[in-house]
């Protein structure tokens, strides 16, 4: 963490996910505690920590920015791990694509400024 100036995470709500069919996976993974620890360590090292809106982060192509018909849609398509954008032809891993989109959202937040608490 000492080599990074900012950490961006998706605004996953553990409380909301626990009410779905994915409850056991969410509870086993300890999402809330991971996010809490990241934030704690970031603040201790004067690193910017921001939770950004992760809506559509798996569906939006991180290269061209569109939501193509070929992208996985929500929980119904969770088994789709890789897809190809029908607009620009880029091959995506679902998780890597989401991470790139969350990083880009965080950079956009930094560009407009983050209010000091």
PDB file of N, CA and C in Angstrom:
ATOM      1  N   UNK A   1       0.818  -1.184   0.000  1.00  0.00           N
ATOM      2  CA  UNK A   1       0.000   0.000   0.000  1.00  0.00           C
ATOM      3  C   UNK A   1       0.870   1.260   0.000  1.00  0.00           C
ATOM      4  N   UNK A   2       2.110   1.145   0.402  1.00  0.00           N
ATOM      5  CA  UNK A   2       2.987   2.313   0.447  1.00  0.00           C
ATOM      6  C   UNK A   2       3.314   2.850  -0.931  1.00  0.00           C
ATOM      7  N   UNK A   3       3.117   2.064  -1.977  1.00  0.00           N
ATOM      8  CA  UNK A   3       3.449   2.485  -3.334  1.00  0.00           C
ATOM      9  C   UNK A   3       2.273   3.090  -4.078  1.00  0.00           C
ATOM     10  N   UNK A   4       1.130   3.241  -3.438  1.00  0.00           N
ATOM     11  CA  UNK A   4      -0.068   3.696  -4.123  1.00  0.00           C
ATOM     12  C   UNK A   4      -0.612   4.965  -3.484  1.00  0.00           C
ATOM     13  N   UNK A   5      -1.112   5.874  -4.327  1.00  0.00           N
ATOM     14  CA  UNK A   5      -1.659   7.126  -3.838  1.00  0.00           C
ATOM     15  C   UNK A   5      -3.164   7.057  -3.653  1.00  0.00           C
ATOM     16  N   UNK A   6      -3.800   6.053  -4.265  1.00  0.00           N
ATOM     17  CA  UNK A   6      -5.252   5.935  -4.159  1.00  0.00           C
ATOM     18  C   UNK A   6      -5.679   4.483  -4.300  1.00  0.00           C
ATOM     19  N   UNK A   7      -6.747   4.142  -3.590  1.00  0.00           N
ATOM     20  CA  UNK A   7      -7.346   2.822  -3.690  1.00  0.00           C
ATOM     21  C   UNK A   7      -8.833   3.039  -3.939  1.00  0.00           C
ATOM     22  N   UNK A   8      -9.337   2.391  -4.987  1.00  0.00           N
ATOM     23  CA  UNK A   8     -10.750   2.498  -5.322  1.00  0.00           C
ATOM     24  C   UNK A   8     -11.382   1.114  -5.237  1.00  0.00           C
ATOM     25  N   UNK A   9     -12.539   1.041  -4.599  1.00  0.00           N
ATOM     26  CA  UNK A   9     -13.275  -0.213  -4.506  1.00  0.00           C
ATOM     27  C   UNK A   9     -14.704   0.035  -4.952  1.00  0.00           C
ATOM     28  N   UNK A  10     -15.354  -1.030  -5.403  1.00  0.00           N
ATOM     29  CA  UNK A  10     -16.767  -0.922  -5.753  1.00  0.00           C
ATOM     30  C   UNK A  10     -17.602  -0.798  -4.494  1.00  0.00           C
ATOM     31  N   UNK A  11     -18.713  -0.133  -4.608  1.00  0.00           N
ATOM     32  CA  UNK A  11     -19.575   0.094  -3.441  1.00  0.00           C
ATOM     33  C   UNK A  11     -20.506  -1.090  -3.190  1.00  0.00           C
ATOM     34  N   UNK A  12     -19.922  -2.264  -3.091  1.00  0.00           N
ATOM     35  CA  UNK A  12     -20.689  -3.481  -2.829  1.00  0.00           C
ATOM     36  C   UNK A  12     -21.317  -3.371  -1.446  1.00  0.00           C
ATOM     37  N   UNK A  13     -22.603  -3.593  -1.378  1.00  0.00           N
ATOM     38  CA  UNK A  13     -23.304  -3.566  -0.099  1.00  0.00           C
ATOM     39  C   UNK A  13     -23.497  -4.989   0.387  1.00  0.00           C
ATOM     40  N   UNK A  14     -22.754  -5.365   1.405  1.00  0.00           N
ATOM     41  CA  UNK A  14     -22.867  -6.717   1.959  1.00  0.00           C
ATOM     42  C   UNK A  14     -24.270  -6.972   2.475  1.00  0.00           C
ATOM     43  N   UNK A  15     -24.890  -5.954   3.067  1.00  0.00           N
ATOM     44  CA  UNK A  15     -26.242  -6.115   3.615  1.00  0.00           C
ATOM     45  C   UNK A  15     -27.232  -6.477   2.520  1.00  0.00           C
ATOM     46  N   UNK A  16     -27.098  -5.835   1.360  1.00  0.00           N
ATOM     47  CA  UNK A  16     -28.014  -6.119   0.252  1.00  0.00           C
ATOM     48  C   UNK A  16     -27.747  -7.494  -0.343  1.00  0.00           C
ATOM     49  N   UNK A  17     -26.479  -7.855  -0.492  1.00  0.00           N
ATOM     50  CA  UNK A  17     -26.145  -9.146  -1.090  1.00  0.00           C
ATOM     51  C   UNK A  17     -26.535 -10.320  -0.207  1.00  0.00           C
ATOM     52  N   UNK A  18     -26.548 -10.119   1.100  1.00  0.00           N
ATOM     53  CA  UNK A  18     -26.903 -11.191   2.026  1.00  0.00           C
ATOM     54  C   UNK A  18     -28.357 -11.612   1.823  1.00  0.00           C
ATOM     55  N   UNK A  19     -29.176 -10.719   1.289  1.00  0.00           N
ATOM     56  CA  UNK A  19     -30.594 -11.018   1.075  1.00  0.00           C
ATOM     57  C   UNK A  19     -30.844 -11.738  -0.248  1.00  0.00           C
ATOM     58  N   UNK A  20     -29.792 -12.073  -0.985  1.00  0.00           N
ATOM     59  CA  UNK A  20     -29.942 -12.744  -2.273  1.00  0.00           C
ATOM     60  C   UNK A  20     -29.523 -14.205  -2.159  1.00  0.00           C
ATOM     61  N   UNK A  21     -29.569 -14.905  -3.285  1.00  0.00           N
ATOM     62  CA  UNK A  21     -29.135 -16.304  -3.328  1.00  0.00           C
ATOM     63  C   UNK A  21     -27.626 -16.436  -3.116  1.00  0.00           C
ATOM     64  N   UNK A  22     -26.915 -15.321  -3.215  1.00  0.00           N
ATOM     65  CA  UNK A  22     -25.459 -15.347  -3.068  1.00  0.00           C
ATOM     66  C   UNK A  22     -25.031 -15.135  -1.608  1.00  0.00           C
ATOM     67  N   UNK A  23     -25.950 -15.198  -0.680  1.00  0.00           N
ATOM     68  CA  UNK A  23     -25.675 -14.868   0.716  1.00  0.00           C
ATOM     69  C   UNK A  23     -24.501 -15.644   1.302  1.00  0.00           C
ATOM     70  N   UNK A  24     -24.470 -16.954   1.123  1.00  0.00           N
ATOM     71  CA  UNK A  24     -23.404 -17.765   1.713  1.00  0.00           C
ATOM     72  C   UNK A  24     -22.046 -17.343   1.166  1.00  0.00           C
ATOM     73  N   UNK A  25     -21.942 -17.097  -0.126  1.00  0.00           N
ATOM     74  CA  UNK A  25     -20.678 -16.690  -0.723  1.00  0.00           C
ATOM     75  C   UNK A  25     -20.225 -15.338  -0.184  1.00  0.00           C
ATOM     76  N   UNK A  26     -21.164 -14.430  -0.036  1.00  0.00           N
ATOM     77  CA  UNK A  26     -20.839 -13.093   0.461  1.00  0.00           C
ATOM     78  C   UNK A  26     -20.363 -13.170   1.903  1.00  0.00           C
ATOM     79  N   UNK A  27     -21.064 -13.933   2.724  1.00  0.00           N
ATOM     80  CA  UNK A  27     -20.674 -14.047   4.127  1.00  0.00           C
ATOM     81  C   UNK A  27     -19.330 -14.758   4.274  1.00  0.00           C
ATOM     82  N   UNK A  28     -19.091 -15.792   3.464  1.00  0.00           N
ATOM     83  CA  UNK A  28     -17.829 -16.518   3.521  1.00  0.00           C
ATOM     84  C   UNK A  28     -16.659 -15.624   3.124  1.00  0.00           C
ATOM     85  N   UNK A  29     -16.859 -14.763   2.139  1.00  0.00           N
ATOM     86  CA  UNK A  29     -15.772 -13.945   1.619  1.00  0.00           C
ATOM     87  C   UNK A  29     -15.412 -12.790   2.543  1.00  0.00           C
ATOM     88  N   UNK A  30     -16.313 -12.375   3.408  1.00  0.00           N
ATOM     89  CA  UNK A  30     -16.009 -11.288   4.339  1.00  0.00           C
ATOM     90  C   UNK A  30     -15.790  -9.956   3.634  1.00  0.00           C
ATOM     91  N   UNK A  31     -16.659  -9.634   2.665  1.00  0.00           N
ATOM     92  CA  UNK A  31     -16.502  -8.402   1.879  1.00  0.00           C
ATOM     93  C   UNK A  31     -16.419  -7.159   2.752  1.00  0.00           C
ATOM     94  N   UNK A  32     -17.302  -7.058   3.728  1.00  0.00           N
ATOM     95  CA  UNK A  32     -17.338  -5.861   4.564  1.00  0.00           C
ATOM     96  C   UNK A  32     -16.028  -5.675   5.319  1.00  0.00           C
ATOM     97  N   UNK A  33     -15.506  -6.748   5.881  1.00  0.00           N
ATOM     98  CA  UNK A  33     -14.268  -6.650   6.653  1.00  0.00           C
ATOM     99  C   UNK A  33     -13.087  -6.302   5.765  1.00  0.00           C
ATOM    100  N   UNK A  34     -13.044  -6.852   4.560  1.00  0.00           N
ATOM    101  CA  UNK A  34     -11.966  -6.525   3.630  1.00  0.00           C
ATOM    102  C   UNK A  34     -11.977  -5.036   3.308  1.00  0.00           C
ATOM    103  N   UNK A  35     -13.151  -4.512   2.999  1.00  0.00           N
ATOM    104  CA  UNK A  35     -13.262  -3.089   2.669  1.00  0.00           C
ATOM    105  C   UNK A  35     -12.893  -2.218   3.875  1.00  0.00           C
ATOM    106  N   UNK A  36     -13.334  -2.623   5.058  1.00  0.00           N
ATOM    107  CA  UNK A  36     -13.026  -1.877   6.281  1.00  0.00           C
ATOM    108  C   UNK A  36     -11.519  -1.836   6.537  1.00  0.00           C
ATOM    109  N   UNK A  37     -10.854  -2.971   6.386  1.00  0.00           N
ATOM    110  CA  UNK A  37      -9.412  -3.025   6.609  1.00  0.00           C
ATOM    111  C   UNK A  37      -8.641  -2.208   5.575  1.00  0.00           C
ATOM    112  N   UNK A  38      -9.066  -2.279   4.301  1.00  0.00           N
ATOM    113  CA  UNK A  38      -8.420  -1.473   3.269  1.00  0.00           C
ATOM    114  C   UNK A  38      -8.532   0.012   3.587  1.00  0.00           C
ATOM    115  N   UNK A  39      -9.716   0.425   3.993  1.00  0.00           N
ATOM    116  CA  UNK A  39      -9.922   1.836   4.318  1.00  0.00           C
ATOM    117  C   UNK A  39      -9.070   2.257   5.513  1.00  0.00           C
ATOM    118  N   UNK A  40      -9.040   1.440   6.540  1.00  0.00           N
ATOM    119  CA  UNK A  40      -8.259   1.717   7.745  1.00  0.00           C
ATOM    120  C   UNK A  40      -6.770   1.876   7.410  1.00  0.00           C
ATOM    121  N   UNK A  41      -6.240   0.941   6.635  1.00  0.00           N
ATOM    122  CA  UNK A  41      -4.824   0.987   6.284  1.00  0.00           C
ATOM    123  C   UNK A  41      -4.500   2.152   5.342  1.00  0.00           C
ATOM    124  N   UNK A  42      -5.425   2.469   4.446  1.00  0.00           N
ATOM    125  CA  UNK A  42      -5.222   3.595   3.535  1.00  0.00           C
ATOM    126  C   UNK A  42      -5.152   4.905   4.316  1.00  0.00           C
ATOM    127  N   UNK A  43      -6.075   5.099   5.228  1.00  0.00           N
ATOM    128  CA  UNK A  43      -6.095   6.326   6.028  1.00  0.00           C
ATOM    129  C   UNK A  43      -4.826   6.439   6.867  1.00  0.00           C
ATOM    130  N   UNK A  44      -4.377   5.330   7.439  1.00  0.00           N
ATOM    131  CA  UNK A  44      -3.168   5.332   8.269  1.00  0.00           C
ATOM    132  C   UNK A  44      -1.932   5.734   7.471  1.00  0.00           C
ATOM    133  N   UNK A  45      -1.967   5.525   6.157  1.00  0.00           N
ATOM    134  CA  UNK A  45      -0.812   5.838   5.306  1.00  0.00           C
ATOM    135  C   UNK A  45      -1.066   7.047   4.398  1.00  0.00           C
ATOM    136  N   UNK A  46      -2.093   7.825   4.705  1.00  0.00           N
ATOM    137  CA  UNK A  46      -2.459   9.018   3.934  1.00  0.00           C
ATOM    138  C   UNK A  46      -2.708   8.711   2.454  1.00  0.00           C
ATOM    139  N   UNK A  47      -3.348   7.587   2.206  1.00  0.00           N
ATOM    140  CA  UNK A  47      -3.701   7.168   0.850  1.00  0.00           C
ATOM    141  C   UNK A  47      -5.195   7.431   0.657  1.00  0.00           C
ATOM    142  N   UNK A  48      -5.559   7.973  -0.485  1.00  0.00           N
ATOM    143  CA  UNK A  48      -6.971   8.206  -0.785  1.00  0.00           C
ATOM    144  C   UNK A  48      -7.684   6.869  -0.908  1.00  0.00           C
ATOM    145  N   UNK A  49      -8.796   6.735  -0.214  1.00  0.00           N
ATOM    146  CA  UNK A  49      -9.625   5.532  -0.305  1.00  0.00           C
ATOM    147  C   UNK A  49     -11.023   5.974  -0.683  1.00  0.00           C
ATOM    148  N   UNK A  50     -11.551   5.440  -1.769  1.00  0.00           N
ATOM    149  CA  UNK A  50     -12.885   5.816  -2.223  1.00  0.00           C
ATOM    150  C   UNK A  50     -13.653   4.592  -2.687  1.00  0.00           C
ATOM    151  N   UNK A  51     -14.895   4.498  -2.257  1.00  0.00           N
ATOM    152  CA  UNK A  51     -15.820   3.490  -2.790  1.00  0.00           C
ATOM    153  C   UNK A  51     -16.575   4.171  -3.923  1.00  0.00           C
ATOM    154  N   UNK A  52     -16.529   3.588  -5.104  1.00  0.00           N
ATOM    155  CA  UNK A  52     -17.187   4.189  -6.261  1.00  0.00           C
ATOM    156  C   UNK A  52     -18.346   3.304  -6.718  1.00  0.00           C
ATOM    157  N   UNK A  53     -19.279   3.900  -7.417  1.00  0.00           N
ATOM    158  CA  UNK A  53     -20.438   3.172  -7.918  1.00  0.00           C
ATOM    159  C   UNK A  53     -19.980   2.126  -8.918  1.00  0.00           C
ATOM    160  N   UNK A  54     -20.274   0.886  -8.627  1.00  0.00           N
ATOM    161  CA  UNK A  54     -19.822  -0.195  -9.503  1.00  0.00           C
ATOM    162  C   UNK A  54     -20.915  -0.698 -10.440  1.00  0.00           C
ATOM    163  N   UNK A  55     -22.019   0.023 -10.510  1.00  0.00           N
ATOM    164  CA  UNK A  55     -23.120  -0.382 -11.384  1.00  0.00           C
ATOM    165  C   UNK A  55     -22.640  -0.527 -12.822  1.00  0.00           C
ATOM    166  N   UNK A  56     -22.979  -1.629 -13.432  1.00  0.00           N
ATOM    167  CA  UNK A  56     -22.655  -1.936 -14.826  1.00  0.00           C
ATOM    168  C   UNK A  56     -21.155  -2.103 -15.088  1.00  0.00           C
ATOM    169  N   UNK A  57     -20.330  -2.193 -14.051  1.00  0.00           N
ATOM    170  CA  UNK A  57     -18.880  -2.280 -14.255  1.00  0.00           C
ATOM    171  C   UNK A  57     -18.463  -3.551 -14.997  1.00  0.00           C
ATOM    172  N   UNK A  58     -19.251  -4.631 -14.888  1.00  0.00           N
ATOM    173  CA  UNK A  58     -18.918  -5.850 -15.619  1.00  0.00           C
ATOM    174  C   UNK A  58     -19.453  -5.807 -17.045  1.00  0.00           C
ATOM    175  N   UNK A  59     -20.436  -4.949 -17.300  1.00  0.00           N
ATOM    176  CA  UNK A  59     -21.088  -4.901 -18.604  1.00  0.00           C
ATOM    177  C   UNK A  59     -20.486  -3.881 -19.558  1.00  0.00           C
ATOM    178  N   UNK A  60     -19.990  -2.776 -19.029  1.00  0.00           N
ATOM    179  CA  UNK A  60     -19.426  -1.721 -19.871  1.00  0.00           C
ATOM    180  C   UNK A  60     -18.052  -2.165 -20.373  1.00  0.00           C
ATOM    181  N   UNK A  61     -17.832  -2.019 -21.668  1.00  0.00           N
ATOM    182  CA  UNK A  61     -16.523  -2.338 -22.244  1.00  0.00           C
ATOM    183  C   UNK A  61     -15.521  -1.294 -21.753  1.00  0.00           C
ATOM    184  N   UNK A  62     -14.446  -1.746 -21.118  1.00  0.00           N
ATOM    185  CA  UNK A  62     -13.449  -0.812 -20.579  1.00  0.00           C
ATOM    186  C   UNK A  62     -12.617  -0.157 -21.680  1.00  0.00           C
ATOM    187  N   UNK A  63     -12.734  -0.631 -22.909  1.00  0.00           N
ATOM    188  CA  UNK A  63     -11.991  -0.028 -24.027  1.00  0.00           C
ATOM    189  C   UNK A  63     -12.800   1.033 -24.756  1.00  0.00           C
ATOM    190  N   UNK A  64     -14.048   0.700 -25.136  1.00  0.00           N
ATOM    191  CA  UNK A  64     -14.826   1.655 -25.936  1.00  0.00           C
ATOM    192  C   UNK A  64     -15.935   2.340 -25.142  1.00  0.00           C
ATOM    193  N   UNK A  65     -16.248   1.847 -23.937  1.00  0.00           N
ATOM    194  CA  UNK A  65     -17.219   2.508 -23.078  1.00  0.00           C
ATOM    195  C   UNK A  65     -18.676   2.203 -23.350  1.00  0.00           C
ATOM    196  N   UNK A  66     -18.969   1.322 -24.272  1.00  0.00           N
ATOM    197  CA  UNK A  66     -20.371   1.011 -24.559  1.00  0.00           C
ATOM    198  C   UNK A  66     -20.804  -0.225 -23.773  1.00  0.00           C
ATOM    199  N   UNK A  67     -22.116  -0.453 -23.730  1.00  0.00           N
ATOM    200  CA  UNK A  67     -22.652  -1.680 -23.139  1.00  0.00           C
ATOM    201  C   UNK A  67     -23.171  -2.508 -24.306  1.00  0.00           C
ATOM    202  N   UNK A  68     -22.316  -3.373 -24.839  1.00  0.00           N
ATOM    203  CA  UNK A  68     -22.718  -4.160 -26.008  1.00  0.00           C
ATOM    204  C   UNK A  68     -23.675  -5.293 -25.634  1.00  0.00           C
ATOM    205  N   UNK A  69     -24.385  -5.772 -26.617  1.00  0.00           N
ATOM    206  CA  UNK A  69     -25.305  -6.898 -26.408  1.00  0.00           C
ATOM    207  C   UNK A  69     -24.557  -8.155 -25.985  1.00  0.00           C
ATOM    208  N   UNK A  70     -23.267  -8.236 -26.300  1.00  0.00           N
ATOM    209  CA  UNK A  70     -22.473  -9.431 -25.981  1.00  0.00           C
ATOM    210  C   UNK A  70     -21.987  -9.479 -24.535  1.00  0.00           C
ATOM    211  N   UNK A  71     -22.159  -8.395 -23.771  1.00  0.00           N
ATOM    212  CA  UNK A  71     -21.657  -8.383 -22.392  1.00  0.00           C
ATOM    213  C   UNK A  71     -22.597  -9.155 -21.472  1.00  0.00           C
ATOM    214  N   UNK A  72     -22.061  -9.719 -20.364  1.00  0.00           N
ATOM    215  CA  UNK A  72     -22.889 -10.455 -19.411  1.00  0.00           C
ATOM    216  C   UNK A  72     -23.831  -9.495 -18.683  1.00  0.00           C
ATOM    217  N   UNK A  73     -25.043  -9.918 -18.455  1.00  0.00           N
ATOM    218  CA  UNK A  73     -26.049  -9.070 -17.820  1.00  0.00           C
ATOM    219  C   UNK A  73     -26.408  -9.581 -16.431  1.00  0.00           C
ATOM    220  N   UNK A  74     -25.996  -8.865 -15.401  1.00  0.00           N
ATOM    221  CA  UNK A  74     -26.406  -9.121 -14.028  1.00  0.00           C
ATOM    222  C   UNK A  74     -26.168 -10.521 -13.505  1.00  0.00           C
ATOM    223  N   UNK A  75     -26.958 -10.878 -12.498  1.00  0.00           N
ATOM    224  CA  UNK A  75     -26.809 -12.177 -11.854  1.00  0.00           C
ATOM    225  C   UNK A  75     -27.165 -13.330 -12.772  1.00  0.00           C
ATOM    226  N   UNK A  76     -28.033 -13.090 -13.734  1.00  0.00           N
ATOM    227  CA  UNK A  76     -28.443 -14.159 -14.648  1.00  0.00           C
ATOM    228  C   UNK A  76     -27.263 -14.712 -15.441  1.00  0.00           C
ATOM    229  N   UNK A  77     -26.281 -13.872 -15.712  1.00  0.00           N
ATOM    230  CA  UNK A  77     -25.129 -14.279 -16.514  1.00  0.00           C
ATOM    231  C   UNK A  77     -23.835 -14.396 -15.701  1.00  0.00           C
ATOM    232  N   UNK A  78     -23.948 -14.709 -14.417  1.00  0.00           N
ATOM    233  CA  UNK A  78     -22.743 -14.820 -13.578  1.00  0.00           C
ATOM    234  C   UNK A  78     -21.782 -15.902 -14.061  1.00  0.00           C
ATOM    235  N   UNK A  79     -22.310 -16.927 -14.720  1.00  0.00           N
ATOM    236  CA  UNK A  79     -21.420 -17.999 -15.191  1.00  0.00           C
ATOM    237  C   UNK A  79     -20.576 -17.562 -16.386  1.00  0.00           C
ATOM    238  N   UNK A  80     -20.920 -16.452 -17.025  1.00  0.00           N
ATOM    239  CA  UNK A  80     -20.123 -15.946 -18.152  1.00  0.00           C
ATOM    240  C   UNK A  80     -18.921 -15.196 -17.579  1.00  0.00           C
ATOM    241  N   UNK A  81     -17.738 -15.761 -17.733  1.00  0.00           N
ATOM    242  CA  UNK A  81     -16.527 -15.172 -17.160  1.00  0.00           C
ATOM    243  C   UNK A  81     -15.728 -14.385 -18.188  1.00  0.00           C
ATOM    244  N   UNK A  82     -15.875 -14.728 -19.468  1.00  0.00           N
ATOM    245  CA  UNK A  82     -15.145 -14.036 -20.534  1.00  0.00           C
ATOM    246  C   UNK A  82     -16.131 -13.677 -21.639  1.00  0.00           C
ATOM    247  N   UNK A  83     -15.925 -12.525 -22.262  1.00  0.00           N
ATOM    248  CA  UNK A  83     -16.793 -12.103 -23.358  1.00  0.00           C
ATOM    249  C   UNK A  83     -16.025 -11.177 -24.294  1.00  0.00           C
ATOM    250  N   UNK A  84     -16.542 -11.032 -25.499  1.00  0.00           N
ATOM    251  CA  UNK A  84     -15.916 -10.175 -26.510  1.00  0.00           C
ATOM    252  C   UNK A  84     -16.887  -9.055 -26.844  1.00  0.00           C
ATOM    253  N   UNK A  85     -16.403  -7.823 -26.799  1.00  0.00           N
ATOM    254  CA  UNK A  85     -17.222  -6.662 -27.127  1.00  0.00           C
ATOM    255  C   UNK A  85     -17.561  -6.703 -28.617  1.00  0.00           C
ATOM    256  N   UNK A  86     -18.841  -6.692 -28.922  1.00  0.00           N
ATOM    257  CA  UNK A  86     -19.256  -6.744 -30.330  1.00  0.00           C
ATOM    258  C   UNK A  86     -19.089  -5.392 -31.025  1.00  0.00           C
ATOM    259  N   UNK A  87     -18.768  -4.350 -30.253  1.00  0.00           N
ATOM    260  CA  UNK A  87     -18.559  -3.022 -30.837  1.00  0.00           C
ATOM    261  C   UNK A  87     -17.105  -2.820 -31.280  1.00  0.00           C
ATOM    262  N   UNK A  88     -16.156  -3.148 -30.385  1.00  0.00           N
ATOM    263  CA  UNK A  88     -14.743  -2.893 -30.714  1.00  0.00           C
ATOM    264  C   UNK A  88     -13.912  -4.169 -30.858  1.00  0.00           C
ATOM    265  N   UNK A  89     -14.488  -5.329 -30.507  1.00  0.00           N
ATOM    266  CA  UNK A  89     -13.795  -6.597 -30.676  1.00  0.00           C
ATOM    267  C   UNK A  89     -12.824  -6.967 -29.567  1.00  0.00           C
ATOM    268  N   UNK A  90     -12.788  -6.213 -28.484  1.00  0.00           N
ATOM    269  CA  UNK A  90     -11.876  -6.496 -27.377  1.00  0.00           C
ATOM    270  C   UNK A  90     -12.375  -7.682 -26.551  1.00  0.00           C
ATOM    271  N   UNK A  91     -11.475  -8.609 -26.247  1.00  0.00           N
ATOM    272  CA  UNK A  91     -11.807  -9.744 -25.385  1.00  0.00           C
ATOM    273  C   UNK A  91     -11.641  -9.317 -23.931  1.00  0.00           C
ATOM    274  N   UNK A  92     -12.609  -9.678 -23.100  1.00  0.00           N
ATOM    275  CA  UNK A  92     -12.596  -9.271 -21.693  1.00  0.00           C
ATOM    276  C   UNK A  92     -12.737 -10.465 -20.765  1.00  0.00           C
ATOM    277  N   UNK A  93     -12.031 -10.418 -19.660  1.00  0.00           N
ATOM    278  CA  UNK A  93     -12.297 -11.250 -18.505  1.00  0.00           C
ATOM    279  C   UNK A  93     -13.255 -10.414 -17.664  1.00  0.00           C
ATOM    280  N   UNK A  94     -14.348 -10.994 -17.220  1.00  0.00           N
ATOM    281  CA  UNK A  94     -15.385 -10.234 -16.514  1.00  0.00           C
ATOM    282  C   UNK A  94     -14.832  -9.446 -15.329  1.00  0.00           C
ATOM    283  N   UNK A  95     -14.003 -10.085 -14.497  1.00  0.00           N
ATOM    284  CA  UNK A  95     -13.493  -9.433 -13.294  1.00  0.00           C
ATOM    285  C   UNK A  95     -12.455  -8.364 -13.611  1.00  0.00           C
ATOM    286  N   UNK A  96     -11.575  -8.637 -14.556  1.00  0.00           N
ATOM    287  CA  UNK A  96     -10.551  -7.651 -14.936  1.00  0.00           C
ATOM    288  C   UNK A  96     -11.218  -6.428 -15.568  1.00  0.00           C
ATOM    289  N   UNK A  97     -12.224  -6.661 -16.408  1.00  0.00           N
ATOM    290  CA  UNK A  97     -12.949  -5.556 -17.033  1.00  0.00           C
ATOM    291  C   UNK A  97     -13.617  -4.694 -15.961  1.00  0.00           C
ATOM    292  N   UNK A  98     -14.252  -5.335 -14.977  1.00  0.00           N
ATOM    293  CA  UNK A  98     -14.898  -4.595 -13.896  1.00  0.00           C
ATOM    294  C   UNK A  98     -13.866  -3.781 -13.111  1.00  0.00           C
ATOM    295  N   UNK A  99     -12.709  -4.374 -12.838  1.00  0.00           N
ATOM    296  CA  UNK A  99     -11.657  -3.666 -12.103  1.00  0.00           C
ATOM    297  C   UNK A  99     -11.179  -2.438 -12.871  1.00  0.00           C
ATOM    298  N   UNK A 100     -11.027  -2.570 -14.184  1.00  0.00           N
ATOM    299  CA  UNK A 100     -10.615  -1.423 -15.005  1.00  0.00           C
ATOM    300  C   UNK A 100     -11.671  -0.323 -14.971  1.00  0.00           C
ATOM    301  N   UNK A 101     -12.934  -0.711 -15.019  1.00  0.00           N
ATOM    302  CA  UNK A 101     -14.008   0.284 -14.980  1.00  0.00           C
ATOM    303  C   UNK A 101     -14.104   0.970 -13.620  1.00  0.00           C
ATOM    304  N   UNK A 102     -13.884   0.221 -12.530  1.00  0.00           N
ATOM    305  CA  UNK A 102     -13.895   0.807 -11.192  1.00  0.00           C
ATOM    306  C   UNK A 102     -12.715   1.761 -11.032  1.00  0.00           C
ATOM    307  N   UNK A 103     -11.552   1.390 -11.543  1.00  0.00           N
ATOM    308  CA  UNK A 103     -10.385   2.275 -11.501  1.00  0.00           C
ATOM    309  C   UNK A 103     -10.657   3.561 -12.279  1.00  0.00           C
ATOM    310  N   UNK A 104     -11.246   3.441 -13.459  1.00  0.00           N
ATOM    311  CA  UNK A 104     -11.563   4.624 -14.268  1.00  0.00           C
ATOM    312  C   UNK A 104     -12.574   5.516 -13.546  1.00  0.00           C
ATOM    313  N   UNK A 105     -13.571   4.911 -12.883  1.00  0.00           N
ATOM    314  CA  UNK A 105     -14.553   5.693 -12.123  1.00  0.00           C
ATOM    315  C   UNK A 105     -13.872   6.437 -10.978  1.00  0.00           C
ATOM    316  N   UNK A 106     -12.923   5.775 -10.320  1.00  0.00           N
ATOM    317  CA  UNK A 106     -12.172   6.425  -9.248  1.00  0.00           C
ATOM    318  C   UNK A 106     -11.346   7.591  -9.757  1.00  0.00           C
ATOM    319  N   UNK A 107     -10.707   7.418 -10.901  1.00  0.00           N
ATOM    320  CA  UNK A 107      -9.924   8.509 -11.487  1.00  0.00           C
ATOM    321  C   UNK A 107     -10.816   9.685 -11.863  1.00  0.00           C
ATOM    322  N   UNK A 108     -12.021   9.391 -12.367  1.00  0.00           N
ATOM    323  CA  UNK A 108     -12.962  10.476 -12.677  1.00  0.00           C
ATOM    324  C   UNK A 108     -13.359  11.216 -11.412  1.00  0.00           C
ATOM    325  N   UNK A 109     -13.531  10.487 -10.310  1.00  0.00           N
ATOM    326  CA  UNK A 109     -13.861  11.138  -9.028  1.00  0.00           C
ATOM    327  C   UNK A 109     -12.723  12.031  -8.575  1.00  0.00           C
ATOM    328  N   UNK A 110     -11.488  11.565  -8.737  1.00  0.00           N
ATOM    329  CA  UNK A 110     -10.341  12.389  -8.350  1.00  0.00           C
ATOM    330  C   UNK A 110     -10.241  13.636  -9.206  1.00  0.00           C
ATOM    331  N   UNK A 111     -10.599  13.520 -10.481  1.00  0.00           N
ATOM    332  CA  UNK A 111     -10.512  14.658 -11.396  1.00  0.00           C
ATOM    333  C   UNK A 111     -11.411  15.800 -10.973  1.00  0.00           C
ATOM    334  N   UNK A 112     -12.568  15.484 -10.387  1.00  0.00           N
ATOM    335  CA  UNK A 112     -13.490  16.548  -9.958  1.00  0.00           C
ATOM    336  C   UNK A 112     -13.279  16.913  -8.492  1.00  0.00           C
ATOM    337  N   UNK A 113     -12.507  16.126  -7.804  1.00  0.00           N
ATOM    338  CA  UNK A 113     -12.198  16.423  -6.400  1.00  0.00           C
ATOM    339  C   UNK A 113     -13.014  15.599  -5.441  1.00  0.00           C
ATOM    340  N   UNK A 114     -12.397  15.233  -4.347  1.00  0.00           N
ATOM    341  CA  UNK A 114     -13.056  14.471  -3.296  1.00  0.00           C
ATOM    342  C   UNK A 114     -13.169  15.380  -2.085  1.00  0.00           C
ATOM    343  N   UNK A 115     -14.375  15.557  -1.552  1.00  0.00           N
ATOM    344  CA  UNK A 115     -14.541  16.442  -0.397  1.00  0.00           C
ATOM    345  C   UNK A 115     -13.774  15.937   0.820  1.00  0.00           C
ATOM    346  N   UNK A 116     -13.205  16.846   1.555  1.00  0.00           N
ATOM    347  CA  UNK A 116     -12.463  16.514   2.773  1.00  0.00           C
ATOM    348  C   UNK A 116     -13.451  16.379   3.910  1.00  0.00           C
ATOM    349  N   UNK A 117     -13.320  15.320   4.683  1.00  0.00           N
ATOM    350  CA  UNK A 117     -14.236  15.101   5.818  1.00  0.00           C
ATOM    351  C   UNK A 117     -13.721  15.758   7.053  1.00  0.00           C
TER     352      UNK A 117
END
